């Protein structure tokens, strides 16, 4: 079993920055594809970013490219999302997720393929 805990959410003004972190339990974190998703009220959960086992492959939603950066530290079992130039439309609950069955170097875009989820952290961006 893997337990994921997100932190770093909060209220920020538009144009500001936040850094989300997700810490995992379990011994096989380094073999998980990790992802950040978000869900705004009344909307479906959407992929924000994903990163491969070793961090060499990443992908981002078009809406966050150039503003958000995903990274991971396998020794610390953490994955982070640096969010810059935040906009009110980035307001959502952000979830960390782990996928255990992919191969080295791949990323996973589909929320349905992820095996473990955190409880979420609220990000609110004021205008």
Protein backbone atom coordinates (compact mmCIF):
# COMPACT_ATOMS: atom_id res chain seq x y z
CA UNK A 1 0.00 0.00 0.00
CA UNK A 2 1.17 3.53 -0.76
CA UNK A 3 0.07 6.58 1.15
CA UNK A 4 0.42 10.02 -0.47
CA UNK A 5 0.23 13.28 1.44
CA UNK A 6 0.13 16.66 -0.30
CA UNK A 7 1.16 19.97 1.23
CA UNK A 8 1.80 23.53 0.17
CA UNK A 9 -1.59 24.70 -0.96
CA UNK A 10 -3.09 28.00 0.07
CA UNK A 11 -4.35 31.38 -1.02
CA UNK A 12 -2.22 33.50 -3.32
CA UNK A 13 -2.75 36.57 -5.44
CA UNK A 14 -2.74 36.31 -9.20
CA UNK A 15 0.81 36.37 -10.55
CA UNK A 16 2.15 34.78 -7.40
CA UNK A 17 3.77 31.41 -6.80
CA UNK A 18 3.18 28.30 -4.75
CA UNK A 19 5.10 25.08 -4.39
CA UNK A 20 3.16 21.88 -3.80
CA UNK A 21 4.83 18.81 -2.38
CA UNK A 22 3.71 15.21 -2.14
CA UNK A 23 5.40 12.75 0.18
CA UNK A 24 4.94 9.02 -0.29
CA UNK A 25 5.19 6.06 1.99
CA UNK A 26 6.30 2.65 0.76
CA UNK A 27 9.54 1.25 -0.61
CA UNK A 28 9.00 1.45 -4.36
CA UNK A 29 8.45 5.17 -4.91
CA UNK A 30 11.31 5.32 -7.40
CA UNK A 31 9.40 2.97 -9.71
CA UNK A 32 6.19 4.96 -9.73
CA UNK A 33 5.14 7.37 -12.40
CA UNK A 34 3.88 10.38 -10.48
CA UNK A 35 1.26 12.88 -11.49
CA UNK A 36 -0.42 16.05 -10.32
CA UNK A 37 -4.09 16.52 -11.12
CA UNK A 38 -6.56 19.23 -10.24
CA UNK A 39 -10.29 19.52 -9.94
CA UNK A 40 -12.21 22.77 -9.84
CA UNK A 41 -15.82 22.94 -8.60
CA UNK A 42 -18.21 21.54 -11.18
CA UNK A 43 -15.41 20.34 -13.43
CA UNK A 44 -13.76 17.03 -14.13
CA UNK A 45 -10.41 16.12 -12.68
CA UNK A 46 -7.67 17.02 -15.15
CA UNK A 47 -4.01 16.25 -15.53
CA UNK A 48 -1.67 19.08 -14.62
CA UNK A 49 1.67 17.32 -14.97
CA UNK A 50 3.32 13.91 -14.87
CA UNK A 51 6.87 12.68 -14.40
CA UNK A 52 8.59 9.38 -15.12
CA UNK A 53 10.49 7.19 -12.65
CA UNK A 54 13.80 8.94 -12.92
CA UNK A 55 12.42 12.35 -13.80
CA UNK A 56 13.76 12.33 -17.33
CA UNK A 57 10.35 12.51 -18.97
CA UNK A 58 7.65 15.00 -18.09
CA UNK A 59 4.44 16.28 -19.58
CA UNK A 60 2.19 19.22 -18.84
CA UNK A 61 -1.29 20.41 -19.60
CA UNK A 62 -1.17 23.14 -22.23
CA UNK A 63 -2.72 25.57 -19.78
CA UNK A 64 0.26 25.34 -17.40
CA UNK A 65 3.20 24.93 -19.77
CA UNK A 66 5.88 27.48 -19.11
CA UNK A 67 4.44 28.31 -15.68
CA UNK A 68 4.54 25.03 -13.74
CA UNK A 69 7.46 22.69 -13.20
CA UNK A 70 7.27 19.15 -11.85
CA UNK A 71 10.22 17.47 -10.15
CA UNK A 72 10.91 14.51 -7.92
CA UNK A 73 13.43 13.39 -5.34
CA UNK A 74 13.39 9.61 -5.13
CA UNK A 75 15.67 9.53 -2.10
CA UNK A 76 13.18 11.67 -0.18
CA UNK A 77 10.13 10.03 -1.80
CA UNK A 78 8.73 13.37 -2.81
CA UNK A 79 7.32 14.92 -5.94
CA UNK A 80 6.89 18.67 -6.21
CA UNK A 81 5.01 21.10 -8.39
CA UNK A 82 6.39 24.62 -8.64
CA UNK A 83 3.62 26.91 -9.78
CA UNK A 84 4.52 30.38 -11.01
CA UNK A 85 2.50 33.18 -12.58
CA UNK A 86 -0.64 31.78 -11.05
CA UNK A 87 -3.99 32.74 -12.49
CA UNK A 88 -7.49 32.65 -10.96
CA UNK A 89 -8.32 29.78 -13.32
CA UNK A 90 -5.68 27.68 -11.56
CA UNK A 91 -7.93 27.60 -8.51
CA UNK A 92 -8.72 23.97 -7.71
CA UNK A 93 -8.03 21.10 -5.39
CA UNK A 94 -4.70 19.60 -6.43
CA UNK A 95 -4.09 15.89 -6.09
CA UNK A 96 -0.93 13.85 -6.18
CA UNK A 97 -1.15 10.39 -7.74
CA UNK A 98 1.09 7.38 -8.29
CA UNK A 99 1.03 4.77 -11.05
CA UNK A 100 2.90 1.50 -10.46
CA UNK A 101 2.81 -0.46 -13.71
CA UNK A 102 4.54 1.68 -16.32
CA UNK A 103 7.98 1.19 -17.76
CA UNK A 104 11.07 3.29 -17.31
CA UNK A 105 10.95 6.56 -19.16
CA UNK A 106 7.20 6.72 -19.64
CA UNK A 107 4.63 9.13 -18.32
CA UNK A 108 0.95 8.52 -17.73
CA UNK A 109 -1.70 11.02 -18.80
CA UNK A 110 -4.92 9.20 -17.92
CA UNK A 111 -6.21 9.64 -14.38
CA UNK A 112 -7.87 6.23 -14.60
CA UNK A 113 -4.50 4.51 -14.80
CA UNK A 114 -3.23 5.84 -11.51
CA UNK A 115 -3.31 3.47 -8.58
CA UNK A 116 -2.88 5.69 -5.54
CA UNK A 117 -4.16 9.16 -4.71
CA UNK A 118 -3.57 11.74 -2.02
CA UNK A 119 -6.32 13.57 -0.21
CA UNK A 120 -5.78 16.81 -2.12
CA UNK A 121 -4.71 20.32 -1.22
CA UNK A 122 -6.65 23.49 -2.02
CA UNK A 123 -5.08 26.17 -4.17
CA UNK A 124 -6.96 29.44 -4.45
CA UNK A 125 -5.74 32.25 -6.67
CA UNK A 126 -7.36 35.63 -6.21
CA UNK A 127 -7.68 38.18 -8.99
